Amino acid sequence: SKSLEGFLFPDTYFFQEDDSPEDVLTQIIEEYQKNISEDLRTRADEMGFSELEMITLASIIEGEAIYDTERSIISAVYHNRLKLGMKLQADPTIQYIIKDSPRRLLNRDLKINSPYNTYLYDGLPPGPVNNPGKASILAALYPDKNDYLFFVARGDGYHTFSKTKEEHNRAKKAFQKVRRKYQKKRG
């Protein structure tokens, strides 16, 4: 990757006022190196992923999941879609390419021509879309075992997971109903 995106490990750091930008970057990158063990790199290799691909997938999981309990389930959805040759259709990749992010995605956003647009392009995007934490990295490498191919937000931070397009469409309608009710309350 030409940038450090994805490789700046999210954590709490303590710096001195006179630390140079290089000192700051060195400490953050060293923290990444400490957390990404040889075992994790080996696991990525066994799964057919480069380190960059592992971090890219983890970054998408990081962008989707609010709760740790869902990270490995979300990971499984993406692994299942990749195995079947389906587009990932991952909203965090769209948030990454729109200029006024974060905001609610619009249909026109899904048509933006970018290699990061997983609604248009197959496979993983060319690089990470954020800096994933350890929980998302582990989820990328140890996905849940399930047959889910879709998920949609429920409105409470959790997601509804579906195996079929029909189930998914029902879940989307339920979420839209919740969103409309919330928008009416807000006025």
N, C-alpha and C. Protein backbone atom coordinates (compact mmCIF):
# COMPACT_ATOMS: atom_id res chain seq x y z
N SER A 1 0.85 -1.19 0.00
CA SER A 1 0.00 0.00 0.00
C SER A 1 0.88 1.24 0.00
N LYS A 2 0.46 2.25 -0.75
CA LYS A 2 1.26 3.47 -0.85
C LYS A 2 1.06 4.37 0.37
N SER A 3 0.01 4.14 1.13
CA SER A 3 -0.22 4.96 2.32
C SER A 3 -0.15 4.07 3.55
N LEU A 4 -0.22 4.70 4.70
CA LEU A 4 -0.21 3.94 5.96
C LEU A 4 -1.62 3.61 6.42
N GLU A 5 -2.62 4.00 5.63
CA GLU A 5 -4.01 3.71 6.00
C GLU A 5 -4.18 2.22 6.25
N GLY A 6 -4.78 1.89 7.37
CA GLY A 6 -4.98 0.50 7.75
C GLY A 6 -3.89 -0.02 8.66
N PHE A 7 -2.74 0.62 8.64
CA PHE A 7 -1.59 0.13 9.40
C PHE A 7 -1.26 1.02 10.59
N LEU A 8 -2.11 2.01 10.85
CA LEU A 8 -1.95 2.86 12.02
C LEU A 8 -2.86 2.28 13.09
N PHE A 9 -2.27 1.59 14.04
CA PHE A 9 -3.06 0.81 14.99
C PHE A 9 -3.82 1.72 15.96
N PRO A 10 -5.15 1.56 16.02
CA PRO A 10 -5.94 2.41 16.93
C PRO A 10 -5.72 2.00 18.39
N ASP A 11 -5.28 2.94 19.17
CA ASP A 11 -5.01 2.70 20.59
C ASP A 11 -4.87 4.05 21.27
N THR A 12 -4.63 4.04 22.56
CA THR A 12 -4.33 5.27 23.29
C THR A 12 -2.82 5.40 23.35
N TYR A 13 -2.32 6.52 22.91
CA TYR A 13 -0.88 6.77 22.87
C TYR A 13 -0.56 7.99 23.72
N PHE A 14 0.64 7.98 24.27
CA PHE A 14 1.11 9.12 25.06
C PHE A 14 2.36 9.68 24.39
N PHE A 15 2.30 10.96 24.04
CA PHE A 15 3.41 11.61 23.35
C PHE A 15 3.85 12.83 24.14
N GLN A 16 5.07 13.23 23.88
CA GLN A 16 5.62 14.46 24.46
C GLN A 16 5.44 15.59 23.45
N GLU A 17 5.39 16.80 23.94
CA GLU A 17 5.22 17.96 23.05
C GLU A 17 6.33 18.05 22.01
N ASP A 18 7.53 17.61 22.40
CA ASP A 18 8.66 17.75 21.48
C ASP A 18 8.86 16.51 20.59
N ASP A 19 7.94 15.53 20.67
CA ASP A 19 8.03 14.37 19.77
C ASP A 19 7.81 14.84 18.33
N SER A 20 8.64 14.37 17.44
CA SER A 20 8.50 14.73 16.03
C SER A 20 7.38 13.90 15.40
N PRO A 21 6.85 14.35 14.27
CA PRO A 21 5.86 13.53 13.56
C PRO A 21 6.39 12.12 13.27
N GLU A 22 7.68 12.03 12.99
CA GLU A 22 8.29 10.72 12.72
C GLU A 22 8.25 9.84 13.97
N ASP A 23 8.51 10.44 15.15
CA ASP A 23 8.45 9.69 16.42
C ASP A 23 7.03 9.16 16.65
N VAL A 24 6.05 10.00 16.38
CA VAL A 24 4.65 9.61 16.57
C VAL A 24 4.31 8.44 15.64
N LEU A 25 4.63 8.59 14.37
CA LEU A 25 4.34 7.52 13.40
C LEU A 25 5.06 6.24 13.76
N THR A 26 6.32 6.35 14.16
CA THR A 26 7.09 5.16 14.53
C THR A 26 6.41 4.41 15.66
N GLN A 27 5.96 5.13 16.69
CA GLN A 27 5.30 4.47 17.82
C GLN A 27 4.01 3.77 17.38
N ILE A 28 3.23 4.42 16.54
CA ILE A 28 1.95 3.84 16.10
C ILE A 28 2.20 2.61 15.22
N ILE A 29 3.18 2.69 14.34
CA ILE A 29 3.49 1.55 13.47
C ILE A 29 4.07 0.40 14.28
N GLU A 30 4.90 0.71 15.28
CA GLU A 30 5.44 -0.35 16.15
C GLU A 30 4.31 -1.06 16.89
N GLU A 31 3.30 -0.31 17.29
CA GLU A 31 2.15 -0.92 17.97
C GLU A 31 1.41 -1.86 17.03
N TYR A 32 1.27 -1.48 15.78
CA TYR A 32 0.68 -2.36 14.76
C TYR A 32 1.50 -3.65 14.68
N GLN A 33 2.82 -3.50 14.57
CA GLN A 33 3.70 -4.67 14.44
C GLN A 33 3.57 -5.60 15.65
N LYS A 34 3.42 -5.02 16.85
CA LYS A 34 3.27 -5.83 18.07
C LYS A 34 1.96 -6.62 18.04
N ASN A 35 0.92 -6.02 17.49
CA ASN A 35 -0.41 -6.64 17.51
C ASN A 35 -0.65 -7.61 16.36
N ILE A 36 0.09 -7.47 15.28
CA ILE A 36 -0.08 -8.37 14.14
C ILE A 36 1.06 -9.38 14.19
N SER A 37 0.82 -10.45 14.90
CA SER A 37 1.85 -11.46 15.12
C SER A 37 2.10 -12.28 13.86
N GLU A 38 3.17 -13.03 13.90
CA GLU A 38 3.49 -13.94 12.80
C GLU A 38 2.37 -14.97 12.63
N ASP A 39 1.75 -15.38 13.75
CA ASP A 39 0.63 -16.33 13.68
C ASP A 39 -0.53 -15.76 12.85
N LEU A 40 -0.81 -14.48 13.04
CA LEU A 40 -1.90 -13.86 12.28
C LEU A 40 -1.53 -13.74 10.80
N ARG A 41 -0.27 -13.42 10.53
CA ARG A 41 0.17 -13.35 9.13
C ARG A 41 0.10 -14.74 8.48
N THR A 42 0.47 -15.76 9.24
CA THR A 42 0.40 -17.14 8.74
C THR A 42 -1.04 -17.53 8.46
N ARG A 43 -1.94 -17.18 9.38
CA ARG A 43 -3.37 -17.47 9.20
C ARG A 43 -3.89 -16.80 7.93
N ALA A 44 -3.52 -15.54 7.71
CA ALA A 44 -3.94 -14.83 6.49
C ALA A 44 -3.43 -15.57 5.26
N ASP A 45 -2.19 -15.98 5.30
CA ASP A 45 -1.58 -16.70 4.18
C ASP A 45 -2.32 -18.02 3.91
N GLU A 46 -2.65 -18.74 4.98
CA GLU A 46 -3.39 -20.01 4.85
C GLU A 46 -4.76 -19.78 4.20
N MET A 47 -5.34 -18.62 4.44
CA MET A 47 -6.65 -18.30 3.88
C MET A 47 -6.54 -17.74 2.46
N GLY A 48 -5.32 -17.55 2.00
CA GLY A 48 -5.12 -17.02 0.65
C GLY A 48 -5.12 -15.50 0.58
N PHE A 49 -4.92 -14.85 1.73
CA PHE A 49 -4.91 -13.39 1.79
C PHE A 49 -3.50 -12.87 2.03
N SER A 50 -3.16 -11.78 1.36
CA SER A 50 -1.94 -11.05 1.70
C SER A 50 -2.23 -10.26 2.98
N GLU A 51 -1.19 -9.71 3.58
CA GLU A 51 -1.41 -8.88 4.77
C GLU A 51 -2.28 -7.67 4.42
N LEU A 52 -2.04 -7.06 3.26
CA LEU A 52 -2.85 -5.92 2.83
C LEU A 52 -4.32 -6.31 2.67
N GLU A 53 -4.58 -7.46 2.06
CA GLU A 53 -5.96 -7.93 1.89
C GLU A 53 -6.63 -8.20 3.24
N MET A 54 -5.87 -8.80 4.17
CA MET A 54 -6.40 -9.08 5.50
C MET A 54 -6.81 -7.77 6.18
N ILE A 55 -5.94 -6.77 6.12
CA ILE A 55 -6.23 -5.49 6.76
C ILE A 55 -7.37 -4.77 6.04
N THR A 56 -7.43 -4.91 4.73
CA THR A 56 -8.52 -4.29 3.96
C THR A 56 -9.86 -4.88 4.38
N LEU A 57 -9.96 -6.21 4.46
CA LEU A 57 -11.20 -6.84 4.90
C LEU A 57 -11.52 -6.44 6.34
N ALA A 58 -10.52 -6.44 7.20
CA ALA A 58 -10.73 -6.03 8.60
C ALA A 58 -11.24 -4.60 8.68
N SER A 59 -10.76 -3.74 7.78
CA SER A 59 -11.21 -2.34 7.81
C SER A 59 -12.69 -2.23 7.43
N ILE A 60 -13.14 -3.07 6.52
CA ILE A 60 -14.56 -3.06 6.14
C ILE A 60 -15.40 -3.54 7.33
N ILE A 61 -14.94 -4.60 7.99
CA ILE A 61 -15.63 -5.10 9.19
C ILE A 61 -15.68 -4.01 10.26
N GLU A 62 -14.56 -3.32 10.44
CA GLU A 62 -14.48 -2.22 11.42
C GLU A 62 -15.53 -1.15 11.11
N GLY A 63 -15.69 -0.85 9.83
CA GLY A 63 -16.65 0.17 9.43
C GLY A 63 -18.10 -0.25 9.58
N GLU A 64 -18.36 -1.55 9.55
CA GLU A 64 -19.73 -2.07 9.65
C GLU A 64 -20.16 -2.34 11.08
N ALA A 65 -19.27 -2.90 11.88
CA ALA A 65 -19.65 -3.43 13.19
C ALA A 65 -19.55 -2.37 14.28
N ILE A 66 -20.57 -2.30 15.08
CA ILE A 66 -20.52 -1.48 16.29
C ILE A 66 -20.19 -2.38 17.47
N TYR A 67 -20.79 -3.58 17.47
CA TYR A 67 -20.64 -4.50 18.60
C TYR A 67 -19.73 -5.66 18.23
N ASP A 68 -18.80 -5.97 19.13
CA ASP A 68 -17.84 -7.05 18.89
C ASP A 68 -18.53 -8.39 18.61
N THR A 69 -19.69 -8.61 19.21
CA THR A 69 -20.39 -9.89 19.03
C THR A 69 -20.78 -10.13 17.57
N GLU A 70 -20.84 -9.07 16.77
CA GLU A 70 -21.25 -9.23 15.36
C GLU A 70 -20.07 -9.29 14.39
N ARG A 71 -18.88 -8.96 14.83
CA ARG A 71 -17.75 -8.85 13.90
C ARG A 71 -17.50 -10.14 13.12
N SER A 72 -17.46 -11.29 13.78
CA SER A 72 -17.17 -12.54 13.07
C SER A 72 -18.33 -12.96 12.16
N ILE A 73 -19.55 -12.56 12.50
CA ILE A 73 -20.70 -12.86 11.65
C ILE A 73 -20.63 -12.02 10.37
N ILE A 74 -20.34 -10.73 10.54
CA ILE A 74 -20.17 -9.84 9.38
C ILE A 74 -19.02 -10.34 8.51
N SER A 75 -17.94 -10.75 9.15
CA SER A 75 -16.79 -11.31 8.41
C SER A 75 -17.22 -12.50 7.57
N ALA A 76 -18.02 -13.38 8.16
CA ALA A 76 -18.49 -14.57 7.43
C ALA A 76 -19.30 -14.17 6.20
N VAL A 77 -20.13 -13.14 6.32
CA VAL A 77 -20.91 -12.69 5.17
C VAL A 77 -19.97 -12.32 4.03
N TYR A 78 -18.93 -11.55 4.33
CA TYR A 78 -17.99 -11.14 3.28
C TYR A 78 -17.19 -12.32 2.73
N HIS A 79 -16.77 -13.21 3.60
CA HIS A 79 -16.07 -14.42 3.12
C HIS A 79 -16.98 -15.24 2.21
N ASN A 80 -18.24 -15.41 2.62
CA ASN A 80 -19.20 -16.17 1.81
C ASN A 80 -19.40 -15.51 0.45
N ARG A 81 -19.54 -14.20 0.43
CA ARG A 81 -19.74 -13.48 -0.83
C ARG A 81 -18.51 -13.59 -1.72
N LEU A 82 -17.33 -13.47 -1.14
CA LEU A 82 -16.10 -13.61 -1.93
C LEU A 82 -16.01 -15.00 -2.56
N LYS A 83 -16.32 -16.03 -1.75
CA LYS A 83 -16.27 -17.42 -2.27
C LYS A 83 -17.22 -17.64 -3.43
N LEU A 84 -18.37 -16.98 -3.38
CA LEU A 84 -19.39 -17.14 -4.42
C LEU A 84 -19.21 -16.18 -5.60
N GLY A 85 -18.19 -15.33 -5.52
CA GLY A 85 -17.96 -14.37 -6.60
C GLY A 85 -18.96 -13.22 -6.61
N MET A 86 -19.62 -12.99 -5.47
CA MET A 86 -20.58 -11.88 -5.36
C MET A 86 -19.83 -10.59 -5.02
N LYS A 87 -20.38 -9.49 -5.44
CA LYS A 87 -19.82 -8.20 -5.03
C LYS A 87 -20.03 -8.04 -3.52
N LEU A 88 -19.08 -7.41 -2.85
CA LEU A 88 -19.18 -7.25 -1.40
C LEU A 88 -20.30 -6.28 -1.01
N GLN A 89 -20.55 -5.26 -1.81
CA GLN A 89 -21.59 -4.27 -1.53
C GLN A 89 -21.48 -3.76 -0.08
N ALA A 90 -20.28 -3.30 0.26
CA ALA A 90 -19.97 -2.87 1.62
C ALA A 90 -20.07 -1.35 1.74
N ASP A 91 -21.00 -0.89 2.57
CA ASP A 91 -21.20 0.55 2.74
C ASP A 91 -19.95 1.31 3.20
N PRO A 92 -19.10 0.75 4.07
CA PRO A 92 -17.90 1.51 4.47
C PRO A 92 -17.00 1.88 3.29
N THR A 93 -17.03 1.09 2.23
CA THR A 93 -16.20 1.43 1.06
C THR A 93 -16.78 2.64 0.33
N ILE A 94 -18.09 2.82 0.40
CA ILE A 94 -18.73 3.98 -0.22
C ILE A 94 -18.50 5.21 0.66
N GLN A 95 -18.65 5.03 1.98
CA GLN A 95 -18.37 6.15 2.89
C GLN A 95 -16.95 6.67 2.66
N TYR A 96 -16.03 5.77 2.35
CA TYR A 96 -14.63 6.13 2.13
C TYR A 96 -14.45 7.05 0.92
N ILE A 97 -15.27 6.84 -0.11
CA ILE A 97 -15.05 7.61 -1.35
C ILE A 97 -15.92 8.86 -1.49
N ILE A 98 -16.95 9.00 -0.66
CA ILE A 98 -17.77 10.21 -0.79
C ILE A 98 -17.11 11.35 -0.01
N LYS A 99 -17.26 12.53 -0.55
CA LYS A 99 -16.54 13.69 0.00
C LYS A 99 -17.12 14.19 1.33
N ASP A 100 -18.43 14.08 1.51
CA ASP A 100 -19.05 14.62 2.72
C ASP A 100 -19.44 13.52 3.71
N SER A 101 -18.59 12.52 3.81
CA SER A 101 -18.81 11.39 4.71
C SER A 101 -18.51 11.84 6.14
N PRO A 102 -19.09 11.25 7.17
CA PRO A 102 -20.11 10.21 7.09
C PRO A 102 -21.51 10.81 6.99
N ARG A 103 -22.32 10.17 6.21
CA ARG A 103 -23.72 10.54 6.08
C ARG A 103 -24.47 9.33 5.53
N ARG A 104 -25.79 9.44 5.52
CA ARG A 104 -26.61 8.38 4.94
C ARG A 104 -26.28 8.26 3.46
N LEU A 105 -26.10 7.04 3.00
CA LEU A 105 -25.77 6.82 1.59
C LEU A 105 -26.99 6.99 0.71
N LEU A 106 -26.76 7.52 -0.47
CA LEU A 106 -27.81 7.71 -1.47
C LEU A 106 -27.55 6.78 -2.64
N ASN A 107 -28.59 6.47 -3.42
CA ASN A 107 -28.42 5.58 -4.57
C ASN A 107 -27.33 6.07 -5.51
N ARG A 108 -27.23 7.39 -5.70
CA ARG A 108 -26.20 7.91 -6.61
C ARG A 108 -24.79 7.60 -6.11
N ASP A 109 -24.62 7.49 -4.79
CA ASP A 109 -23.30 7.17 -4.23
C ASP A 109 -22.82 5.79 -4.67
N LEU A 110 -23.78 4.88 -4.84
CA LEU A 110 -23.44 3.50 -5.20
C LEU A 110 -22.95 3.39 -6.64
N LYS A 111 -23.06 4.48 -7.39
CA LYS A 111 -22.67 4.48 -8.81
C LYS A 111 -21.34 5.21 -9.05
N ILE A 112 -20.73 5.71 -7.98
CA ILE A 112 -19.45 6.44 -8.12
C ILE A 112 -18.40 5.48 -8.68
N ASN A 113 -17.75 5.90 -9.75
CA ASN A 113 -16.74 5.04 -10.38
C ASN A 113 -15.42 5.17 -9.63
N SER A 114 -15.16 4.21 -8.77
CA SER A 114 -13.93 4.16 -7.98
C SER A 114 -13.59 2.69 -7.74
N PRO A 115 -12.31 2.34 -7.76
CA PRO A 115 -11.95 0.94 -7.45
C PRO A 115 -12.34 0.55 -6.02
N TYR A 116 -12.65 1.54 -5.18
CA TYR A 116 -13.11 1.25 -3.82
C TYR A 116 -14.61 0.96 -3.76
N ASN A 117 -15.32 1.16 -4.86
CA ASN A 117 -16.76 0.96 -4.87
C ASN A 117 -17.06 -0.53 -5.02
N THR A 118 -17.38 -1.17 -3.90
CA THR A 118 -17.64 -2.61 -3.90
C THR A 118 -19.05 -2.94 -4.37
N TYR A 119 -19.82 -1.93 -4.75
CA TYR A 119 -21.10 -2.16 -5.41
C TYR A 119 -20.88 -2.32 -6.91
N LEU A 120 -19.80 -1.73 -7.43
CA LEU A 120 -19.49 -1.82 -8.87
C LEU A 120 -18.41 -2.84 -9.19
N TYR A 121 -17.44 -2.97 -8.29
CA TYR A 121 -16.27 -3.80 -8.59
C TYR A 121 -16.22 -5.04 -7.70
N ASP A 122 -15.77 -6.14 -8.31
CA ASP A 122 -15.67 -7.41 -7.60
C ASP A 122 -14.50 -7.40 -6.62
N GLY A 123 -14.58 -8.29 -5.65
CA GLY A 123 -13.47 -8.50 -4.73
C GLY A 123 -13.28 -7.37 -3.74
N LEU A 124 -12.13 -7.41 -3.10
CA LEU A 124 -11.77 -6.39 -2.12
C LEU A 124 -11.33 -5.11 -2.83
N PRO A 125 -11.53 -3.97 -2.19
CA PRO A 125 -10.98 -2.74 -2.76
C PRO A 125 -9.45 -2.77 -2.69
N PRO A 126 -8.77 -1.80 -3.34
CA PRO A 126 -7.31 -1.84 -3.40
C PRO A 126 -6.59 -1.65 -2.08
N GLY A 127 -7.29 -1.17 -1.06
CA GLY A 127 -6.64 -0.97 0.23
C GLY A 127 -7.66 -0.72 1.32
N PRO A 128 -7.18 -0.59 2.56
CA PRO A 128 -8.07 -0.38 3.70
C PRO A 128 -8.85 0.93 3.59
N VAL A 129 -10.01 0.96 4.24
CA VAL A 129 -10.86 2.16 4.24
C VAL A 129 -10.84 2.86 5.61
N ASN A 130 -10.10 2.30 6.55
CA ASN A 130 -9.91 2.89 7.88
C ASN A 130 -8.79 2.10 8.56
N ASN A 131 -8.56 2.37 9.81
CA ASN A 131 -7.54 1.64 10.58
C ASN A 131 -8.24 0.69 11.53
N PRO A 132 -8.32 -0.60 11.17
CA PRO A 132 -9.08 -1.54 12.00
C PRO A 132 -8.37 -1.88 13.30
N GLY A 133 -9.19 -2.16 14.31
CA GLY A 133 -8.67 -2.61 15.59
C GLY A 133 -8.47 -4.12 15.59
N LYS A 134 -7.92 -4.60 16.68
CA LYS A 134 -7.58 -6.03 16.80
C LYS A 134 -8.82 -6.92 16.65
N ALA A 135 -9.96 -6.51 17.21
CA ALA A 135 -11.17 -7.35 17.13
C ALA A 135 -11.60 -7.56 15.68
N SER A 136 -11.50 -6.54 14.85
CA SER A 136 -11.88 -6.68 13.44
C SER A 136 -10.86 -7.50 12.66
N ILE A 137 -9.59 -7.36 13.02
CA ILE A 137 -8.55 -8.15 12.36
C ILE A 137 -8.76 -9.63 12.68
N LEU A 138 -9.03 -9.94 13.94
CA LEU A 138 -9.29 -11.34 14.32
C LEU A 138 -10.55 -11.86 13.63
N ALA A 139 -11.57 -11.03 13.53
CA ALA A 139 -12.81 -11.44 12.85
C ALA A 139 -12.55 -11.74 11.38
N ALA A 140 -11.71 -10.94 10.73
CA ALA A 140 -11.38 -11.18 9.32
C ALA A 140 -10.70 -12.53 9.14
N LEU A 141 -9.90 -12.92 10.13
CA LEU A 141 -9.14 -14.17 10.03
C LEU A 141 -9.88 -15.37 10.59
N TYR A 142 -10.85 -15.14 11.45
CA TYR A 142 -11.60 -16.23 12.08
C TYR A 142 -13.10 -15.94 11.96
N PRO A 143 -13.62 -16.00 10.72
CA PRO A 143 -15.05 -15.72 10.53
C PRO A 143 -15.93 -16.79 11.17
N ASP A 144 -17.11 -16.39 11.54
CA ASP A 144 -18.13 -17.32 12.01
C ASP A 144 -18.42 -18.33 10.89
N LYS A 145 -18.94 -19.47 11.24
CA LYS A 145 -19.36 -20.45 10.22
C LYS A 145 -20.87 -20.29 10.04
N ASN A 146 -21.27 -19.70 8.94
CA ASN A 146 -22.70 -19.53 8.65
C ASN A 146 -22.90 -19.41 7.15
N ASP A 147 -24.16 -19.38 6.74
CA ASP A 147 -24.50 -19.28 5.31
C ASP A 147 -25.08 -17.91 4.95
N TYR A 148 -24.88 -16.93 5.81
CA TYR A 148 -25.44 -15.60 5.54
C TYR A 148 -24.74 -14.95 4.35
N LEU A 149 -25.54 -14.26 3.54
CA LEU A 149 -25.01 -13.52 2.39
C LEU A 149 -25.35 -12.03 2.45
N PHE A 150 -26.23 -11.66 3.38
CA PHE A 150 -26.71 -10.28 3.45
C PHE A 150 -26.85 -9.86 4.90
N PHE A 151 -26.79 -8.56 5.12
CA PHE A 151 -27.18 -8.01 6.42
C PHE A 151 -27.60 -6.56 6.24
N VAL A 152 -28.43 -6.12 7.16
CA VAL A 152 -28.90 -4.73 7.13
C VAL A 152 -29.00 -4.25 8.58
N ALA A 153 -28.77 -2.96 8.77
CA ALA A 153 -28.87 -2.36 10.09
C ALA A 153 -30.30 -2.49 10.61
N ARG A 154 -30.41 -2.64 11.93
CA ARG A 154 -31.74 -2.70 12.57
C ARG A 154 -32.16 -1.36 13.13
N GLY A 155 -31.21 -0.46 13.29
CA GLY A 155 -31.52 0.83 13.87
C GLY A 155 -31.07 0.96 15.31
N ASP A 156 -30.59 -0.14 15.90
CA ASP A 156 -30.14 -0.11 17.29
C ASP A 156 -28.65 -0.44 17.41
N GLY A 157 -27.95 -0.40 16.29
CA GLY A 157 -26.53 -0.73 16.28
C GLY A 157 -26.25 -2.17 15.88
N TYR A 158 -27.28 -3.00 15.94
CA TYR A 158 -27.15 -4.40 15.53
C TYR A 158 -27.65 -4.56 14.10
N HIS A 159 -27.48 -5.76 13.56
CA HIS A 159 -27.88 -6.06 12.19
C HIS A 159 -28.78 -7.28 12.14
N THR A 160 -29.59 -7.36 11.09
CA THR A 160 -30.35 -8.56 10.77
C THR A 160 -29.61 -9.25 9.64
N PHE A 161 -29.30 -10.53 9.83
CA PHE A 161 -28.55 -11.31 8.84
C PHE A 161 -29.50 -12.22 8.08
N SER A 162 -29.24 -12.37 6.78
CA SER A 162 -30.14 -13.16 5.93
C SER A 162 -29.34 -14.06 5.00
N LYS A 163 -29.97 -15.19 4.66
CA LYS A 163 -29.36 -16.15 3.73
C LYS A 163 -29.84 -15.93 2.30
N THR A 164 -31.04 -15.36 2.16
CA THR A 164 -31.60 -15.18 0.81
C THR A 164 -31.92 -13.70 0.56
N LYS A 165 -32.02 -13.36 -0.71
CA LYS A 165 -32.36 -11.98 -1.11
C LYS A 165 -33.76 -11.62 -0.59
N GLU A 166 -34.67 -12.60 -0.60
CA GLU A 166 -36.04 -12.35 -0.12
C GLU A 166 -36.03 -11.98 1.37
N GLU A 167 -35.31 -12.77 2.18
CA GLU A 167 -35.21 -12.47 3.61
C GLU A 167 -34.60 -11.08 3.80
N HIS A 168 -33.58 -10.80 3.02
CA HIS A 168 -32.88 -9.51 3.12
C HIS A 168 -33.82 -8.35 2.79
N ASN A 169 -34.61 -8.50 1.75
CA ASN A 169 -35.54 -7.43 1.37
C ASN A 169 -36.57 -7.17 2.46
N ARG A 170 -37.03 -8.25 3.12
CA ARG A 170 -37.96 -8.08 4.25
C ARG A 170 -37.28 -7.31 5.39
N ALA A 171 -36.03 -7.67 5.67
CA ALA A 171 -35.29 -7.00 6.75
C ALA A 171 -35.06 -5.52 6.41
N LYS A 172 -34.77 -5.23 5.13
CA LYS A 172 -34.58 -3.83 4.71
C LYS A 172 -35.86 -3.03 4.90
N LYS A 173 -37.00 -3.63 4.55
CA LYS A 173 -38.29 -2.94 4.73
C LYS A 173 -38.54 -2.64 6.20
N ALA A 174 -38.22 -3.61 7.05
CA ALA A 174 -38.40 -3.42 8.50
C ALA A 174 -37.52 -2.26 8.99
N PHE A 175 -36.29 -2.19 8.51
CA PHE A 175 -35.40 -1.10 8.92
C PHE A 175 -35.92 0.25 8.42
N GLN A 176 -36.41 0.28 7.18
CA GLN A 176 -36.93 1.53 6.62
C GLN A 176 -38.12 2.04 7.44
N LYS A 177 -38.93 1.09 7.93
CA LYS A 177 -40.07 1.46 8.77
C LYS A 177 -39.58 2.09 10.08
N VAL A 178 -38.56 1.48 10.68
CA VAL A 178 -37.98 2.02 11.92
C VAL A 178 -37.41 3.41 11.66
N ARG A 179 -36.70 3.58 10.54
CA ARG A 179 -36.09 4.87 10.21
C ARG A 179 -37.16 5.95 10.03
N ARG A 180 -38.24 5.61 9.32
CA ARG A 180 -39.32 6.58 9.10
C ARG A 180 -39.95 7.01 10.44
N LYS A 181 -40.17 6.03 11.32
CA LYS A 181 -40.76 6.32 12.62
C LYS A 181 -39.84 7.26 13.41
N TYR A 182 -38.55 6.99 13.37
CA TYR A 182 -37.57 7.82 14.07
C TYR A 182 -37.54 9.23 13.49
N GLN A 183 -37.58 9.32 12.15
CA GLN A 183 -37.53 10.63 11.50
C GLN A 183 -38.77 11.46 11.84
N LYS A 184 -39.93 10.81 11.95
CA LYS A 184 -41.16 11.52 12.33
C LYS A 184 -41.03 12.08 13.74
N LYS A 185 -40.45 11.28 14.66
CA LYS A 185 -40.27 11.73 16.04
C LYS A 185 -39.35 12.94 16.11
N ARG A 186 -38.33 12.95 15.26
CA ARG A 186 -37.35 14.05 15.26
C ARG A 186 -37.93 15.31 14.64
N GLY A 187 -38.97 15.14 13.83
CA GLY A 187 -39.70 16.24 13.39
C GLY A 187 -39.57 16.86 12.11
